Amino acid sequence: MTNERHSTANNSSNDRDKMCVILSALADPVRLSIVEQLAEKGELPVGAISSPHSITAPAISRHLRVLESAGVIERRIDRQWRICSLQKPTIQKVIDWAQNLIN
């Protein structure tokens, strides 16, 4: 295998691995609900994200960590608040991937 073909194969494998991480993060109902909230409302503090869910604050924090490590959301600090926002480029990657499946 030439270096170019080997590099392309590695990139394809890396892209597939990244997509698996993203899809795995989205495969949980609570995390999917969080993504839908952020898509609908834009940036939200963690408290507003957790309020519709009947789970503990540590559980919400774990869900946010999974989404953040997959690149689906971003968290930032604004004074005493932790603000979450959707990473639209990551969602676009999922859309593009799914679109390629049916084309």
C-alpha atoms as a PDB file:
ATOM      1  CA  MET A   1       0.000   0.000   0.000  1.00  0.00           C
ATOM      2  CA  THR A   2       1.407   3.390  -0.909  1.00  0.00           C
ATOM      3  CA  ASN A   3       1.791   6.044   1.744  1.00  0.00           C
ATOM      4  CA  GLU A   4      -1.035   8.058   0.173  1.00  0.00           C
ATOM      5  CA  ARG A   5      -3.426   5.083   0.213  1.00  0.00           C
ATOM      6  CA  HIS A   6      -2.336   4.204   3.760  1.00  0.00           C
ATOM      7  CA  SER A   7      -2.910   7.816   4.867  1.00  0.00           C
ATOM      8  CA  THR A   8      -6.353   7.860   3.233  1.00  0.00           C
ATOM      9  CA  ALA A   9      -7.265   4.574   4.920  1.00  0.00           C
ATOM     10  CA  ASN A  10      -6.130   5.938   8.303  1.00  0.00           C
ATOM     11  CA  ASN A  11      -8.106   9.156   7.789  1.00  0.00           C
ATOM     12  CA  SER A  12     -11.173   7.129   6.869  1.00  0.00           C
ATOM     13  CA  SER A  13     -10.722   4.959   9.942  1.00  0.00           C
ATOM     14  CA  ASN A  14     -10.199   8.025  12.167  1.00  0.00           C
ATOM     15  CA  ASP A  15     -13.302   9.688  10.711  1.00  0.00           C
ATOM     16  CA  ARG A  16     -15.303   6.529  11.324  1.00  0.00           C
ATOM     17  CA  ASP A  17     -14.012   6.315  14.907  1.00  0.00           C
ATOM     18  CA  LYS A  18     -14.979   9.946  15.533  1.00  0.00           C
ATOM     19  CA  MET A  19     -18.441   9.338  14.068  1.00  0.00           C
ATOM     20  CA  CYS A  20     -18.887   6.337  16.366  1.00  0.00           C
ATOM     21  CA  VAL A  21     -18.064   8.493  19.386  1.00  0.00           C
ATOM     22  CA  ILE A  22     -20.538  11.173  18.279  1.00  0.00           C
ATOM     23  CA  LEU A  23     -23.324   8.702  17.507  1.00  0.00           C
ATOM     24  CA  SER A  24     -22.725   6.898  20.787  1.00  0.00           C
ATOM     25  CA  ALA A  25     -23.044  10.191  22.662  1.00  0.00           C
ATOM     26  CA  LEU A  26     -26.320  10.920  20.862  1.00  0.00           C
ATOM     27  CA  ALA A  27     -27.699   7.411  21.448  1.00  0.00           C
ATOM     28  CA  ASP A  28     -28.922   8.146  24.971  1.00  0.00           C
ATOM     29  CA  PRO A  29     -32.445   9.617  25.371  1.00  0.00           C
ATOM     30  CA  VAL A  30     -31.361  12.186  27.983  1.00  0.00           C
ATOM     31  CA  ARG A  31     -28.385  13.332  25.924  1.00  0.00           C
ATOM     32  CA  LEU A  32     -30.499  13.531  22.785  1.00  0.00           C
ATOM     33  CA  SER A  33     -33.028  15.625  24.713  1.00  0.00           C
ATOM     34  CA  ILE A  34     -30.227  17.949  25.848  1.00  0.00           C
ATOM     35  CA  VAL A  35     -29.088  18.374  22.238  1.00  0.00           C
ATOM     36  CA  GLU A  36     -32.671  19.127  21.172  1.00  0.00           C
ATOM     37  CA  GLN A  37     -32.991  21.742  23.934  1.00  0.00           C
ATOM     38  CA  LEU A  38     -29.794  23.457  22.850  1.00  0.00           C
ATOM     39  CA  ALA A  39     -30.787  23.324  19.178  1.00  0.00           C
ATOM     40  CA  GLU A  40     -34.137  24.932  19.990  1.00  0.00           C
ATOM     41  CA  LYS A  41     -33.051  27.505  22.560  1.00  0.00           C
ATOM     42  CA  GLY A  42     -29.375  28.178  21.847  1.00  0.00           C
ATOM     43  CA  GLU A  43     -27.050  28.625  24.800  1.00  0.00           C
ATOM     44  CA  LEU A  44     -28.403  27.477  28.147  1.00  0.00           C
ATOM     45  CA  PRO A  45     -27.079  27.346  31.687  1.00  0.00           C
ATOM     46  CA  VAL A  46     -26.732  23.858  33.139  1.00  0.00           C
ATOM     47  CA  GLY A  47     -29.617  24.506  35.549  1.00  0.00           C
ATOM     48  CA  ALA A  48     -32.012  25.170  32.685  1.00  0.00           C
ATOM     49  CA  ILE A  49     -30.827  22.043  30.906  1.00  0.00           C
ATOM     50  CA  SER A  50     -31.361  19.843  33.946  1.00  0.00           C
ATOM     51  CA  SER A  51     -34.780  21.193  34.951  1.00  0.00           C
ATOM     52  CA  PRO A  52     -36.920  19.148  32.489  1.00  0.00           C
ATOM     53  CA  HIS A  53     -35.141  15.918  33.471  1.00  0.00           C
ATOM     54  CA  SER A  54     -35.963  13.977  36.587  1.00  0.00           C
ATOM     55  CA  ILE A  55     -32.382  12.916  37.269  1.00  0.00           C
ATOM     56  CA  THR A  56     -29.770  14.154  39.700  1.00  0.00           C
ATOM     57  CA  ALA A  57     -27.369  17.014  39.041  1.00  0.00           C
ATOM     58  CA  PRO A  58     -24.375  14.617  39.004  1.00  0.00           C
ATOM     59  CA  ALA A  59     -26.147  12.502  36.375  1.00  0.00           C
ATOM     60  CA  ILE A  60     -26.761  15.579  34.195  1.00  0.00           C
ATOM     61  CA  SER A  61     -23.112  16.521  34.652  1.00  0.00           C
ATOM     62  CA  ARG A  62     -22.022  13.074  33.423  1.00  0.00           C
ATOM     63  CA  HIS A  63     -24.283  13.394  30.360  1.00  0.00           C
ATOM     64  CA  LEU A  64     -22.833  16.836  29.609  1.00  0.00           C
ATOM     65  CA  ARG A  65     -19.300  15.456  29.942  1.00  0.00           C
ATOM     66  CA  VAL A  66     -20.068  12.720  27.397  1.00  0.00           C
ATOM     67  CA  LEU A  67     -21.526  15.251  24.959  1.00  0.00           C
ATOM     68  CA  GLU A  68     -18.618  17.614  25.468  1.00  0.00           C
ATOM     69  CA  SER A  69     -15.947  14.939  25.002  1.00  0.00           C
ATOM     70  CA  ALA A  70     -17.671  13.857  21.757  1.00  0.00           C
ATOM     71  CA  GLY A  71     -17.568  17.456  20.543  1.00  0.00           C
ATOM     72  CA  VAL A  72     -21.370  17.762  20.437  1.00  0.00           C
ATOM     73  CA  ILE A  73     -21.551  20.595  22.967  1.00  0.00           C
ATOM     74  CA  GLU A  74     -19.246  23.211  24.396  1.00  0.00           C
ATOM     75  CA  ARG A  75     -19.305  24.464  27.978  1.00  0.00           C
ATOM     76  CA  ARG A  76     -18.012  27.814  29.130  1.00  0.00           C
ATOM     77  CA  ILE A  77     -18.009  29.690  32.407  1.00  0.00           C
ATOM     78  CA  ASP A  78     -19.835  33.006  32.703  1.00  0.00           C
ATOM     79  CA  ARG A  79     -19.375  34.309  36.230  1.00  0.00           C
ATOM     80  CA  GLN A  80     -21.126  31.700  38.427  1.00  0.00           C
ATOM     81  CA  TRP A  81     -22.944  29.974  35.539  1.00  0.00           C
ATOM     82  CA  ARG A  82     -21.871  27.096  33.350  1.00  0.00           C
ATOM     83  CA  ILE A  83     -23.247  27.800  29.877  1.00  0.00           C
ATOM     84  CA  CYS A  84     -23.680  25.055  27.280  1.00  0.00           C
ATOM     85  CA  SER A  85     -24.012  25.478  23.544  1.00  0.00           C
ATOM     86  CA  LEU A  86     -24.426  23.112  20.643  1.00  0.00           C
ATOM     87  CA  GLN A  87     -21.419  22.580  18.396  1.00  0.00           C
ATOM     88  CA  LYS A  88     -23.136  22.917  15.044  1.00  0.00           C
ATOM     89  CA  PRO A  89     -20.136  21.719  12.984  1.00  0.00           C
ATOM     90  CA  THR A  90     -20.309  18.369  14.783  1.00  0.00           C
ATOM     91  CA  ILE A  91     -24.039  18.063  14.100  1.00  0.00           C
ATOM     92  CA  GLN A  92     -23.348  18.981  10.467  1.00  0.00           C
ATOM     93  CA  LYS A  93     -20.841  16.110  10.285  1.00  0.00           C
ATOM     94  CA  VAL A  94     -23.592  13.708  11.373  1.00  0.00           C
ATOM     95  CA  ILE A  95     -25.977  15.174   8.791  1.00  0.00           C
ATOM     96  CA  ASP A  96     -23.351  14.904   6.041  1.00  0.00           C
ATOM     97  CA  TRP A  97     -22.518  11.327   7.052  1.00  0.00           C
ATOM     98  CA  ALA A  98     -26.187  10.292   6.991  1.00  0.00           C
ATOM     99  CA  GLN A  99     -26.717  12.090   3.681  1.00  0.00           C
ATOM    100  CA  ASN A 100     -23.827  10.155   2.142  1.00  0.00           C
ATOM    101  CA  LEU A 101     -25.477   6.901   3.194  1.00  0.00           C
ATOM    102  CA  ILE A 102     -28.532   7.557   1.061  1.00  0.00           C
ATOM    103  CA  ASN A 103     -26.798   9.153  -1.939  1.00  0.00           C
END
